């Protein structure tokens, strides 16, 4: 986990910080089957009851529902040390092409849905790589569920690779900057990413790239508000 201070970049209150979880400290083996719940320094990441979950290395990532006999309906992210958190985005790769390529991301607060976003696909056919999903409005939530964008929850079958998460502590805004590393290609920011007030996010992304950030393997497309 890498802790990034970006108060100077966005004019946030003193001491405001965002964190990047890229599983660098993970101890699992390559393709190791894991329990249904994995703990990081700040987060609880789990799958629904009875679903499979495994860890991979190079880059380190989690894959829900890797076993077709024990598929996963959803991946769940919750704060470990605080009552709420803000999930600002994640890097994921749909390497094996899920039947339903789009995902529904829902943020909960005390059991009530307070944020919803449809995103995906998590695969860039041109560059044959994963994508970075930027989330808006997932502030001060106590649970985030990532499932297939299907009508019946039982029809959801997710088995993407989760490589990185960008999140904030209580009271931080949902729009936080993202880092892309040295291979980031600015052509992959679609015009939709800069619309509807997104210019601040893009500017913040460029600033954040100076200090590092989300892990990814190669070039990424950026998904924001469900549009690539």
C-alpha atoms as a PDB file:
ATOM      1  CA  UNK A   1       0.000   0.000   0.000  1.00  0.00           C
ATOM      2  CA  UNK A   2       1.289   3.426  -0.945  1.00  0.00           C
ATOM      3  CA  UNK A   3       0.104   6.515   0.911  1.00  0.00           C
ATOM      4  CA  UNK A   4      -0.047   9.689  -1.173  1.00  0.00           C
ATOM      5  CA  UNK A   5      -0.482  13.205   0.178  1.00  0.00           C
ATOM      6  CA  UNK A   6      -2.259  15.385  -2.402  1.00  0.00           C
ATOM      7  CA  UNK A   7      -3.604  18.290  -0.347  1.00  0.00           C
ATOM      8  CA  UNK A   8      -1.283  20.701  -2.155  1.00  0.00           C
ATOM      9  CA  UNK A   9      -2.535  19.490  -5.541  1.00  0.00           C
ATOM     10  CA  UNK A  10      -6.278  19.841  -4.988  1.00  0.00           C
ATOM     11  CA  UNK A  11      -6.439  22.380  -2.186  1.00  0.00           C
ATOM     12  CA  UNK A  12      -7.853  19.907   0.302  1.00  0.00           C
ATOM     13  CA  UNK A  13      -7.716  20.439   4.036  1.00  0.00           C
ATOM     14  CA  UNK A  14      -4.352  19.977   5.713  1.00  0.00           C
ATOM     15  CA  UNK A  15      -3.471  16.353   6.294  1.00  0.00           C
ATOM     16  CA  UNK A  16      -5.871  14.982   3.673  1.00  0.00           C
ATOM     17  CA  UNK A  17      -4.465  11.839   2.123  1.00  0.00           C
ATOM     18  CA  UNK A  18      -5.386   9.210  -0.420  1.00  0.00           C
ATOM     19  CA  UNK A  19      -4.114   5.659  -0.475  1.00  0.00           C
ATOM     20  CA  UNK A  20      -3.259   3.261  -3.263  1.00  0.00           C
ATOM     21  CA  UNK A  21      -3.544  -0.471  -2.607  1.00  0.00           C
ATOM     22  CA  UNK A  22      -1.621  -2.410  -5.240  1.00  0.00           C
ATOM     23  CA  UNK A  23      -1.036  -5.559  -3.175  1.00  0.00           C
ATOM     24  CA  UNK A  24       2.742  -5.090  -3.121  1.00  0.00           C
ATOM     25  CA  UNK A  25       2.902  -6.555   0.375  1.00  0.00           C
ATOM     26  CA  UNK A  26       0.795  -9.608  -0.488  1.00  0.00           C
ATOM     27  CA  UNK A  27       2.302 -12.933   0.588  1.00  0.00           C
ATOM     28  CA  UNK A  28       0.162 -15.256  -1.518  1.00  0.00           C
ATOM     29  CA  UNK A  29       1.730 -17.532  -4.112  1.00  0.00           C
ATOM     30  CA  UNK A  30       1.007 -17.333  -7.828  1.00  0.00           C
ATOM     31  CA  UNK A  31      -2.471 -18.788  -8.486  1.00  0.00           C
ATOM     32  CA  UNK A  32      -2.980 -19.550  -4.802  1.00  0.00           C
ATOM     33  CA  UNK A  33      -6.547 -20.261  -3.721  1.00  0.00           C
ATOM     34  CA  UNK A  34      -7.432 -17.904  -0.880  1.00  0.00           C
ATOM     35  CA  UNK A  35     -10.123 -17.707   1.806  1.00  0.00           C
ATOM     36  CA  UNK A  36     -13.249 -15.770   0.880  1.00  0.00           C
ATOM     37  CA  UNK A  37     -11.940 -12.712   2.762  1.00  0.00           C
ATOM     38  CA  UNK A  38      -8.569 -10.980   2.313  1.00  0.00           C
ATOM     39  CA  UNK A  39      -7.324  -8.252   4.637  1.00  0.00           C
ATOM     40  CA  UNK A  40      -5.033  -5.423   3.579  1.00  0.00           C
ATOM     41  CA  UNK A  41      -3.742  -2.663   5.828  1.00  0.00           C
ATOM     42  CA  UNK A  42      -6.910  -0.591   5.409  1.00  0.00           C
ATOM     43  CA  UNK A  43      -9.410  -2.728   3.495  1.00  0.00           C
ATOM     44  CA  UNK A  44     -11.462  -5.904   3.730  1.00  0.00           C
ATOM     45  CA  UNK A  45     -11.869  -7.508   0.303  1.00  0.00           C
ATOM     46  CA  UNK A  46     -14.198 -10.480  -0.011  1.00  0.00           C
ATOM     47  CA  UNK A  47     -16.478 -12.495  -2.254  1.00  0.00           C
ATOM     48  CA  UNK A  48     -19.994 -13.778  -1.609  1.00  0.00           C
ATOM     49  CA  UNK A  49     -20.434 -16.919   0.469  1.00  0.00           C
ATOM     50  CA  UNK A  50     -19.167 -20.059  -1.216  1.00  0.00           C
ATOM     51  CA  UNK A  51     -17.407 -18.220  -4.060  1.00  0.00           C
ATOM     52  CA  UNK A  52     -13.781 -18.805  -5.010  1.00  0.00           C
ATOM     53  CA  UNK A  53     -10.987 -16.235  -4.744  1.00  0.00           C
ATOM     54  CA  UNK A  54      -7.342 -16.509  -5.675  1.00  0.00           C
ATOM     55  CA  UNK A  55      -4.186 -14.415  -5.701  1.00  0.00           C
ATOM     56  CA  UNK A  56      -1.733 -14.062  -8.569  1.00  0.00           C
ATOM     57  CA  UNK A  57       1.666 -12.432  -8.861  1.00  0.00           C
ATOM     58  CA  UNK A  58       3.447 -10.378 -11.520  1.00  0.00           C
ATOM     59  CA  UNK A  59       1.564  -8.066 -11.078  1.00  0.00           C
ATOM     60  CA  UNK A  60      -0.051  -8.982  -7.792  1.00  0.00           C
ATOM     61  CA  UNK A  61      -3.818  -9.148  -8.117  1.00  0.00           C
ATOM     62  CA  UNK A  62      -6.953 -10.819  -6.800  1.00  0.00           C
ATOM     63  CA  UNK A  63      -9.321 -12.831  -8.990  1.00  0.00           C
ATOM     64  CA  UNK A  64     -12.819 -13.592  -7.710  1.00  0.00           C
ATOM     65  CA  UNK A  65     -14.729 -16.545  -9.142  1.00  0.00           C
ATOM     66  CA  UNK A  66     -11.725 -18.212 -10.777  1.00  0.00           C
ATOM     67  CA  UNK A  67     -13.246 -21.673 -10.265  1.00  0.00           C
ATOM     68  CA  UNK A  68     -16.314 -22.250 -12.506  1.00  0.00           C
ATOM     69  CA  UNK A  69     -17.649 -24.669  -9.892  1.00  0.00           C
ATOM     70  CA  UNK A  70     -17.700 -21.907  -7.268  1.00  0.00           C
ATOM     71  CA  UNK A  71     -18.406 -18.704  -9.241  1.00  0.00           C
ATOM     72  CA  UNK A  72     -18.539 -15.262  -7.641  1.00  0.00           C
ATOM     73  CA  UNK A  73     -21.560 -13.018  -7.928  1.00  0.00           C
ATOM     74  CA  UNK A  74     -19.691 -10.026  -6.542  1.00  0.00           C
ATOM     75  CA  UNK A  75     -16.480  -8.634  -5.138  1.00  0.00           C
ATOM     76  CA  UNK A  76     -16.985  -6.683  -1.907  1.00  0.00           C
ATOM     77  CA  UNK A  77     -14.749  -3.919  -0.555  1.00  0.00           C
ATOM     78  CA  UNK A  78     -15.126  -2.533   2.962  1.00  0.00           C
ATOM     79  CA  UNK A  79     -13.008  -0.354   5.265  1.00  0.00           C
ATOM     80  CA  UNK A  80     -11.031  -2.224   7.897  1.00  0.00           C
ATOM     81  CA  UNK A  81     -10.088   0.502  10.380  1.00  0.00           C
ATOM     82  CA  UNK A  82     -12.805   3.128   9.929  1.00  0.00           C
ATOM     83  CA  UNK A  83     -16.580   3.104   9.695  1.00  0.00           C
ATOM     84  CA  UNK A  84     -16.592   4.574   6.177  1.00  0.00           C
ATOM     85  CA  UNK A  85     -14.207   5.252   3.302  1.00  0.00           C
ATOM     86  CA  UNK A  86     -14.240   6.722  -0.206  1.00  0.00           C
ATOM     87  CA  UNK A  87     -13.501   4.478  -3.163  1.00  0.00           C
ATOM     88  CA  UNK A  88     -12.161   6.619  -5.978  1.00  0.00           C
ATOM     89  CA  UNK A  89     -11.257   4.028  -8.601  1.00  0.00           C
ATOM     90  CA  UNK A  90      -9.592   0.753  -9.449  1.00  0.00           C
ATOM     91  CA  UNK A  91      -7.493  -0.986 -12.088  1.00  0.00           C
ATOM     92  CA  UNK A  92      -8.883  -4.281 -13.363  1.00  0.00           C
ATOM     93  CA  UNK A  93      -8.374  -6.699 -16.241  1.00  0.00           C
ATOM     94  CA  UNK A  94     -11.002  -8.975 -17.756  1.00  0.00           C
ATOM     95  CA  UNK A  95      -8.442 -11.308 -19.271  1.00  0.00           C
ATOM     96  CA  UNK A  96     -10.810 -14.224 -19.871  1.00  0.00           C
ATOM     97  CA  UNK A  97     -13.754 -12.156 -21.180  1.00  0.00           C
ATOM     98  CA  UNK A  98     -16.694 -12.423 -18.800  1.00  0.00           C
ATOM     99  CA  UNK A  99     -20.063 -13.325 -20.325  1.00  0.00           C
ATOM    100  CA  UNK A 100     -21.409  -9.934 -19.207  1.00  0.00           C
ATOM    101  CA  UNK A 101     -18.526  -7.537 -19.910  1.00  0.00           C
ATOM    102  CA  UNK A 102     -19.970  -4.581 -17.997  1.00  0.00           C
ATOM    103  CA  UNK A 103     -20.082  -4.218 -14.230  1.00  0.00           C
ATOM    104  CA  UNK A 104     -22.381  -2.547 -11.735  1.00  0.00           C
ATOM    105  CA  UNK A 105     -20.597  -0.814  -8.868  1.00  0.00           C
ATOM    106  CA  UNK A 106     -22.757   0.049  -5.871  1.00  0.00           C
ATOM    107  CA  UNK A 107     -21.791   2.011  -2.778  1.00  0.00           C
ATOM    108  CA  UNK A 108     -23.696   1.451   0.482  1.00  0.00           C
ATOM    109  CA  UNK A 109     -24.060   3.432   3.691  1.00  0.00           C
ATOM    110  CA  UNK A 110     -25.845   1.655   6.535  1.00  0.00           C
ATOM    111  CA  UNK A 111     -27.450  -0.772   4.096  1.00  0.00           C
ATOM    112  CA  UNK A 112     -28.751   1.883   1.719  1.00  0.00           C
ATOM    113  CA  UNK A 113     -27.405   2.312  -1.826  1.00  0.00           C
ATOM    114  CA  UNK A 114     -25.998   5.858  -2.096  1.00  0.00           C
ATOM    115  CA  UNK A 115     -23.939   5.541  -5.306  1.00  0.00           C
ATOM    116  CA  UNK A 116     -24.250   3.446  -8.460  1.00  0.00           C
ATOM    117  CA  UNK A 117     -22.117   3.353 -11.585  1.00  0.00           C
ATOM    118  CA  UNK A 118     -22.053   1.013 -14.570  1.00  0.00           C
ATOM    119  CA  UNK A 119     -18.628   0.500 -16.063  1.00  0.00           C
ATOM    120  CA  UNK A 120     -16.685  -1.754 -18.401  1.00  0.00           C
ATOM    121  CA  UNK A 121     -15.670  -3.642 -20.356  1.00  0.00           C
ATOM    122  CA  UNK A 122     -12.456  -4.166 -18.393  1.00  0.00           C
ATOM    123  CA  UNK A 123     -10.485  -5.026 -21.500  1.00  0.00           C
ATOM    124  CA  UNK A 124      -8.867  -2.834 -24.136  1.00  0.00           C
ATOM    125  CA  UNK A 125      -8.953  -4.800 -27.394  1.00  0.00           C
ATOM    126  CA  UNK A 126      -6.575  -2.448 -29.170  1.00  0.00           C
ATOM    127  CA  UNK A 127      -3.766  -2.637 -26.626  1.00  0.00           C
ATOM    128  CA  UNK A 128      -4.814  -6.002 -25.156  1.00  0.00           C
ATOM    129  CA  UNK A 129      -4.729  -4.735 -21.612  1.00  0.00           C
ATOM    130  CA  UNK A 130      -6.869  -3.815 -18.614  1.00  0.00           C
ATOM    131  CA  UNK A 131      -8.469  -0.487 -17.774  1.00  0.00           C
ATOM    132  CA  UNK A 132      -8.592   2.089 -15.012  1.00  0.00           C
ATOM    133  CA  UNK A 133     -12.080   2.823 -13.730  1.00  0.00           C
ATOM    134  CA  UNK A 134     -12.618   6.247 -12.146  1.00  0.00           C
ATOM    135  CA  UNK A 135     -15.547   6.340  -9.723  1.00  0.00           C
ATOM    136  CA  UNK A 136     -17.607   9.400  -8.815  1.00  0.00           C
ATOM    137  CA  UNK A 137     -19.769   9.793  -5.739  1.00  0.00           C
ATOM    138  CA  UNK A 138     -18.529   6.820  -3.711  1.00  0.00           C
ATOM    139  CA  UNK A 139     -17.718   8.991  -0.701  1.00  0.00           C
ATOM    140  CA  UNK A 140     -18.167   8.007   2.945  1.00  0.00           C
ATOM    141  CA  UNK A 141     -19.555   4.559   2.146  1.00  0.00           C
ATOM    142  CA  UNK A 142     -19.178   1.486   4.338  1.00  0.00           C
ATOM    143  CA  UNK A 143     -19.432  -1.129   1.597  1.00  0.00           C
ATOM    144  CA  UNK A 144     -18.872  -1.324  -2.162  1.00  0.00           C
ATOM    145  CA  UNK A 145     -20.143  -4.222  -4.264  1.00  0.00           C
ATOM    146  CA  UNK A 146     -18.839  -4.919  -7.774  1.00  0.00           C
ATOM    147  CA  UNK A 147     -21.068  -7.324  -9.691  1.00  0.00           C
ATOM    148  CA  UNK A 148     -22.129  -8.120 -13.213  1.00  0.00           C
ATOM    149  CA  UNK A 149     -24.495  -5.623 -14.818  1.00  0.00           C
ATOM    150  CA  UNK A 150     -27.389  -8.075 -14.937  1.00  0.00           C
ATOM    151  CA  UNK A 151     -31.024  -7.951 -13.828  1.00  0.00           C
ATOM    152  CA  UNK A 152     -30.960 -11.008 -11.576  1.00  0.00           C
ATOM    153  CA  UNK A 153     -28.144 -10.974  -8.981  1.00  0.00           C
ATOM    154  CA  UNK A 154     -27.788 -14.751  -9.242  1.00  0.00           C
ATOM    155  CA  UNK A 155     -26.929 -14.339 -12.946  1.00  0.00           C
ATOM    156  CA  UNK A 156     -23.821 -12.319 -12.065  1.00  0.00           C
ATOM    157  CA  UNK A 157     -20.541 -14.136 -12.715  1.00  0.00           C
ATOM    158  CA  UNK A 158     -17.420 -12.020 -12.203  1.00  0.00           C
ATOM    159  CA  UNK A 159     -13.872 -13.290 -12.673  1.00  0.00           C
ATOM    160  CA  UNK A 160     -11.777 -10.227 -13.535  1.00  0.00           C
ATOM    161  CA  UNK A 161      -8.364  -9.484 -12.011  1.00  0.00           C
ATOM    162  CA  UNK A 162      -8.313  -6.632  -9.480  1.00  0.00           C
ATOM    163  CA  UNK A 163      -4.840  -5.056  -9.607  1.00  0.00           C
ATOM    164  CA  UNK A 164      -5.145  -1.761  -7.709  1.00  0.00           C
ATOM    165  CA  UNK A 165      -7.549   0.341  -5.653  1.00  0.00           C
ATOM    166  CA  UNK A 166      -7.518   4.087  -4.997  1.00  0.00           C
ATOM    167  CA  UNK A 167      -9.368   5.102  -1.868  1.00  0.00           C
ATOM    168  CA  UNK A 168      -9.607   7.850   0.728  1.00  0.00           C
ATOM    169  CA  UNK A 169     -10.198   8.187   4.421  1.00  0.00           C
ATOM    170  CA  UNK A 170     -13.407   9.630   5.921  1.00  0.00           C
ATOM    171  CA  UNK A 171     -14.303  13.119   4.781  1.00  0.00           C
ATOM    172  CA  UNK A 172     -12.268  13.041   1.565  1.00  0.00           C
ATOM    173  CA  UNK A 173     -13.801  13.758  -1.859  1.00  0.00           C
ATOM    174  CA  UNK A 174     -14.564  10.979  -4.302  1.00  0.00           C
ATOM    175  CA  UNK A 175     -12.707  12.702  -7.124  1.00  0.00           C
ATOM    176  CA  UNK A 176      -9.095  11.916  -6.373  1.00  0.00           C
ATOM    177  CA  UNK A 177      -6.091  11.845  -8.701  1.00  0.00           C
ATOM    178  CA  UNK A 178      -4.718   8.685 -10.228  1.00  0.00           C
ATOM    179  CA  UNK A 179      -1.158   7.749 -11.151  1.00  0.00           C
ATOM    180  CA  UNK A 180      -0.348   5.793 -14.265  1.00  0.00           C
ATOM    181  CA  UNK A 181       3.398   5.152 -14.256  1.00  0.00           C
ATOM    182  CA  UNK A 182       5.896   5.729 -17.009  1.00  0.00           C
ATOM    183  CA  UNK A 183       3.957   3.821 -19.714  1.00  0.00           C
ATOM    184  CA  UNK A 184       0.823   5.951 -19.482  1.00  0.00           C
ATOM    185  CA  UNK A 185      -0.331   7.153 -22.898  1.00  0.00           C
ATOM    186  CA  UNK A 186      -2.373  10.349 -22.891  1.00  0.00           C
ATOM    187  CA  UNK A 187      -4.183   9.261 -26.070  1.00  0.00           C
ATOM    188  CA  UNK A 188      -6.067   6.773 -23.888  1.00  0.00           C
ATOM    189  CA  UNK A 189      -7.952   9.541 -22.065  1.00  0.00           C
ATOM    190  CA  UNK A 190     -11.141   9.711 -24.061  1.00  0.00           C
ATOM    191  CA  UNK A 191     -12.907  13.051 -24.544  1.00  0.00           C
ATOM    192  CA  UNK A 192     -15.649  11.749 -22.257  1.00  0.00           C
ATOM    193  CA  UNK A 193     -13.178  11.738 -19.394  1.00  0.00           C
ATOM    194  CA  UNK A 194     -12.763  15.497 -19.708  1.00  0.00           C
ATOM    195  CA  UNK A 195     -16.439  16.341 -19.921  1.00  0.00           C
ATOM    196  CA  UNK A 196     -19.003  17.163 -17.238  1.00  0.00           C
ATOM    197  CA  UNK A 197     -16.465  18.705 -14.912  1.00  0.00           C
ATOM    198  CA  UNK A 198     -13.861  16.029 -15.581  1.00  0.00           C
ATOM    199  CA  UNK A 199     -11.113  18.488 -16.496  1.00  0.00           C
ATOM    200  CA  UNK A 200     -10.181  18.830 -12.833  1.00  0.00           C
ATOM    201  CA  UNK A 201      -9.854  15.068 -12.580  1.00  0.00           C
ATOM    202  CA  UNK A 202      -7.641  14.879 -15.663  1.00  0.00           C
ATOM    203  CA  UNK A 203      -5.469  17.717 -14.336  1.00  0.00           C
ATOM    204  CA  UNK A 204      -5.187  15.942 -11.004  1.00  0.00           C
ATOM    205  CA  UNK A 205      -4.248  12.718 -12.769  1.00  0.00           C
ATOM    206  CA  UNK A 206      -1.337  14.414 -14.484  1.00  0.00           C
ATOM    207  CA  UNK A 207      -0.109  15.876 -11.209  1.00  0.00           C
ATOM    208  CA  UNK A 208      -0.448  12.597  -9.401  1.00  0.00           C
ATOM    209  CA  UNK A 209       1.595  10.817 -12.066  1.00  0.00           C
ATOM    210  CA  UNK A 210       4.581  12.763 -10.769  1.00  0.00           C
ATOM    211  CA  UNK A 211       4.510  10.939  -7.453  1.00  0.00           C
ATOM    212  CA  UNK A 212       3.460   7.460  -8.566  1.00  0.00           C
ATOM    213  CA  UNK A 213       0.192   5.658  -8.044  1.00  0.00           C
ATOM    214  CA  UNK A 214      -1.932   2.814  -9.349  1.00  0.00           C
ATOM    215  CA  UNK A 215      -0.258  -0.303 -10.619  1.00  0.00           C
ATOM    216  CA  UNK A 216      -0.971  -1.391 -14.147  1.00  0.00           C
ATOM    217  CA  UNK A 217       0.765  -3.553 -16.733  1.00  0.00           C
ATOM    218  CA  UNK A 218       1.116  -1.528 -19.921  1.00  0.00           C
ATOM    219  CA  UNK A 219      -1.231   1.029 -21.484  1.00  0.00           C
ATOM    220  CA  UNK A 220      -4.681   1.617 -20.069  1.00  0.00           C
ATOM    221  CA  UNK A 221      -7.909   3.169 -21.135  1.00  0.00           C
ATOM    222  CA  UNK A 222      -9.636   5.346 -18.577  1.00  0.00           C
ATOM    223  CA  UNK A 223     -13.310   4.712 -17.859  1.00  0.00           C
ATOM    224  CA  UNK A 224     -15.286   7.459 -16.172  1.00  0.00           C
ATOM    225  CA  UNK A 225     -19.023   7.569 -15.509  1.00  0.00           C
ATOM    226  CA  UNK A 226     -19.517   4.401 -17.551  1.00  0.00           C
ATOM    227  CA  UNK A 227     -18.038   5.779 -20.796  1.00  0.00           C
ATOM    228  CA  UNK A 228     -14.741   4.817 -22.405  1.00  0.00           C
END
